[in-house]
Protein backbone atom coordinates (compact mmCIF):
# COMPACT_ATOMS: atom_id res chain seq x y z
CA MET A 1 18.41 -4.75 -18.59
CA LEU A 2 14.98 -4.52 -16.93
CA ARG A 3 12.34 -2.57 -18.76
CA SER A 4 8.96 -1.52 -17.48
CA SER A 5 6.25 -3.20 -19.49
CA LYS A 6 2.51 -3.30 -19.22
CA TYR A 7 0.47 -5.33 -21.58
CA ARG A 8 -3.16 -6.20 -22.09
CA ARG A 9 -4.83 -9.55 -22.43
CA GLY A 10 -8.45 -8.82 -23.28
CA ASN A 11 -9.67 -6.09 -20.93
CA VAL A 12 -7.22 -6.93 -18.16
CA LYS A 13 -3.98 -4.98 -17.74
CA PHE A 14 -1.05 -7.04 -16.48
CA HIS A 15 2.17 -5.83 -14.89
CA ARG A 16 5.20 -8.01 -15.37
CA ARG A 17 7.29 -8.98 -12.39
CA THR A 18 11.04 -8.98 -12.17
CA SER A 19 13.02 -12.08 -11.23
CA LEU A 20 12.91 -10.96 -7.57
CA GLY A 21 9.11 -10.83 -7.61
CA PHE A 22 8.60 -7.07 -7.64
CA HIS A 23 6.29 -5.44 -10.15
CA GLU A 24 8.38 -3.60 -12.72
CA GLY A 25 8.53 0.15 -12.29
CA ILE A 26 8.46 2.07 -9.01
CA GLU A 27 7.96 -1.10 -6.89
CA ASP A 28 11.04 -2.68 -8.44
CA THR A 29 13.08 0.49 -7.88
CA ILE A 30 12.06 0.74 -4.23
CA GLY A 31 12.49 -2.99 -3.53
CA LEU A 32 15.94 -3.20 -5.10
CA ARG A 33 17.11 -0.11 -3.21
CA LEU A 34 15.90 -1.59 0.09
CA LEU A 35 17.67 -4.87 -0.69
CA ASP A 36 20.89 -3.08 -1.71
CA ASP A 37 20.81 -1.11 1.56
CA GLY A 38 20.28 -4.30 3.58
CA GLU A 39 16.92 -3.12 4.96
CA THR A 40 14.29 -5.46 6.38
CA PHE A 41 10.81 -5.26 4.86
CA GLU A 42 7.91 -7.35 3.63
CA TYR A 43 6.68 -7.14 0.04
CA GLU A 44 2.97 -7.77 -0.57
CA PRO A 45 2.71 -10.10 2.45
CA GLY A 46 -1.07 -10.30 2.42
CA ARG A 47 -4.17 -8.16 2.27
CA LEU A 48 -6.53 -6.08 4.35
CA LYS A 49 -10.27 -6.20 3.80
CA TYR A 50 -12.11 -2.92 3.78
CA PRO A 51 -15.80 -2.08 3.91
CA GLN A 52 -16.80 -2.33 0.28
CA PRO A 53 -18.26 -5.55 -1.08
CA ASP A 54 -15.53 -8.11 -1.83
CA SER A 55 -12.80 -5.48 -1.53
CA HIS A 56 -9.29 -5.85 -0.21
CA TYR A 57 -6.07 -3.88 -0.24
CA THR A 58 -2.63 -5.44 -0.74
CA PRO A 59 0.07 -3.23 0.80
CA ASP A 60 3.19 -2.92 -1.37
CA PHE A 61 5.78 -2.70 1.41
CA ILE A 62 5.51 -3.13 5.18
CA LEU A 63 8.43 -1.94 7.26
CA PRO A 64 9.31 -3.59 10.61
CA ASN A 65 8.22 -0.42 12.46
CA GLY A 66 4.63 -0.75 11.18
CA ILE A 67 4.81 1.77 8.34
CA VAL A 68 2.89 0.65 5.26
CA VAL A 69 4.30 2.09 2.02
CA GLU A 70 2.21 2.26 -1.13
CA SER A 71 4.21 2.94 -4.29
CA LYS A 72 2.46 4.81 -7.07
CA GLY A 73 3.48 5.48 -10.63
CA TYR A 74 0.07 6.97 -11.33
CA PHE A 75 -2.43 8.06 -8.66
CA THR A 76 -5.92 7.57 -10.08
CA PRO A 77 -9.15 8.94 -8.60
CA GLU A 78 -10.09 5.34 -7.77
CA ASP A 79 -6.80 4.89 -5.86
CA ARG A 80 -7.42 8.08 -3.89
CA THR A 81 -10.97 7.03 -2.98
CA ARG A 82 -9.81 3.53 -1.98
CA HIS A 83 -7.11 4.90 0.31
CA LEU A 84 -9.55 7.26 2.02
CA VAL A 85 -11.86 4.28 2.70
CA ILE A 86 -8.89 2.29 4.05
CA GLN A 87 -7.84 5.24 6.22
CA LYS A 88 -11.37 5.47 7.64
CA ALA A 89 -11.57 1.70 8.25
CA TYR A 90 -8.10 1.54 9.86
CA PRO A 91 -7.37 5.00 11.36
CA ASP A 92 -4.33 3.68 13.28
CA LEU A 93 -2.67 2.24 10.17
CA ASP A 94 0.41 4.30 9.24
CA LEU A 95 -0.04 4.39 5.46
CA ARG A 96 2.38 6.43 3.35
CA PHE A 97 3.02 6.95 -0.35
CA VAL A 98 6.10 6.94 -2.55
CA PHE A 99 5.52 8.44 -5.99
CA THR A 100 7.65 8.20 -9.11
CA SER A 101 10.02 11.08 -9.78
CA GLY A 102 7.98 14.28 -9.90
CA GLY A 103 4.83 12.36 -8.97
CA GLY A 104 4.13 14.45 -5.91
CA ARG A 105 3.98 17.49 -8.17
CA HIS A 106 1.54 15.97 -10.71
CA ALA A 107 -1.87 17.61 -10.84
CA LEU A 108 -4.81 15.47 -9.71
CA ARG A 109 -6.38 16.03 -13.10
CA LYS A 110 -5.89 18.27 -16.10
CA GLY A 111 -6.31 21.92 -15.13
CA SER A 112 -6.20 21.24 -11.37
CA LYS A 113 -3.80 23.22 -9.20
CA THR A 114 -3.91 20.49 -6.53
CA THR A 115 -1.04 18.00 -6.77
CA TRP A 116 -0.79 14.43 -5.54
CA GLY A 117 1.39 15.73 -2.69
CA ASP A 118 -1.20 18.38 -1.80
CA TRP A 119 -3.87 15.66 -1.68
CA CYS A 120 -1.68 13.63 0.69
CA TYR A 121 -1.12 16.59 3.02
CA LYS A 122 -4.82 17.43 3.00
CA HIS A 123 -5.78 13.90 4.03
CA GLY A 124 -2.97 13.31 6.53
CA PHE A 125 -0.76 10.96 4.51
CA LYS A 126 3.03 11.34 4.42
CA TRP A 127 4.65 11.00 1.02
CA HIS A 128 7.99 11.04 -0.75
CA GLU A 129 9.31 10.71 -4.29
CA GLN A 130 11.37 7.85 -5.81
CA TYR A 131 12.43 6.00 -2.65
CA ILE A 132 11.57 5.35 1.00
CA PRO A 133 13.49 7.96 3.01
CA THR A 134 15.92 6.78 5.67
CA GLU A 135 13.95 8.71 8.30
CA TRP A 136 10.95 6.42 7.75
CA LEU A 137 13.14 3.34 8.10
CA ARG A 138 14.65 4.62 11.37
CA GLU A 139 11.40 5.71 13.04
CA PRO A 140 10.54 3.88 16.25
CA PRO A 141 7.85 1.19 16.04
CA ASN A 142 4.31 2.46 15.62
CA GLU A 143 2.55 0.10 18.03
CA ALA A 144 -0.96 1.07 16.89
CA SER A 145 -0.14 0.37 13.24
CA LEU A 146 1.59 -2.91 14.15
CA LYS A 147 -1.52 -3.95 16.09
CA VAL A 148 -3.76 -3.24 13.07
CA LEU A 149 -1.48 -5.32 10.86
CA LYS A 150 -1.31 -8.18 13.37
CA GLU A 151 -5.09 -8.30 13.81
CA HIS A 152 -6.31 -7.60 10.28
CA LEU A 153 -3.65 -8.49 7.71
CA ILE A 154 -4.63 -11.74 6.04
CA ARG A 155 -1.29 -13.29 5.21
CA LYS A 156 -0.78 -15.17 1.95
CA GLY A 157 -1.84 -18.78 2.32
CA THR A 158 -4.16 -18.15 5.30
CA ARG A 159 -7.84 -17.39 5.53
CA LYS A 160 -9.73 -15.43 8.16
CA SER A 161 -13.48 -15.91 8.31
CA SER A 162 -16.13 -16.82 10.81
CA LYS A 163 -18.22 -19.94 10.40
CA LYS A 164 -21.75 -19.49 9.16
CA GLY A 165 -24.09 -18.64 12.01
CA GLU A 166 -21.33 -17.49 14.39
CA SER A 167 -21.02 -13.85 15.26
CA ALA A 168 -17.79 -12.02 14.63
CA ASP A 169 -16.54 -8.97 16.50
CA CYS A 170 -14.69 -7.46 13.54
CA PRO A 171 -17.02 -6.45 10.68
CA LEU A 172 -14.07 -6.11 8.30
CA CYS A 173 -12.27 -9.44 8.57
CA GLY A 174 -14.78 -11.59 10.47
CA ASP A 175 -12.46 -12.34 13.39
CA SER A 176 -13.63 -12.76 16.97
CA ALA A 177 -11.71 -10.83 19.57
């Protein structure tokens, strides 16, 4: 039986991975459901740089239609700020959230009437609870989002950077057009 476990080594929090490579918890639940349903997807295929020093974002799931799904068991203020920066850097990226059961109804902080779902609506993000809905999987390809991923996603095992002294057209990843 798989159990969710987080442990600390010094000041660093680690998340264990299952035998299939998913992080335990909501990512494991979503990944296993997609596999059981025979769906095509990519899991943490690479990362996107965004305009903060030495910062990058690793998407949890990328669907073939260009939808990027971020799974969240807990939606911290830092996560919310990071995703707003990513949204500003890549406005054509179709980024959506899947929260744990009841996650969309959690308050942003103690005493707040605003929920995680309210925050998503306010900032133009689609969201769902527990799993990726079939409607998202069946949506037609989002060409603009696919273009962002093709141009800016740094796949595992590859490196995108311009040589010293050369100019780059993209301030985020250093690529020339």
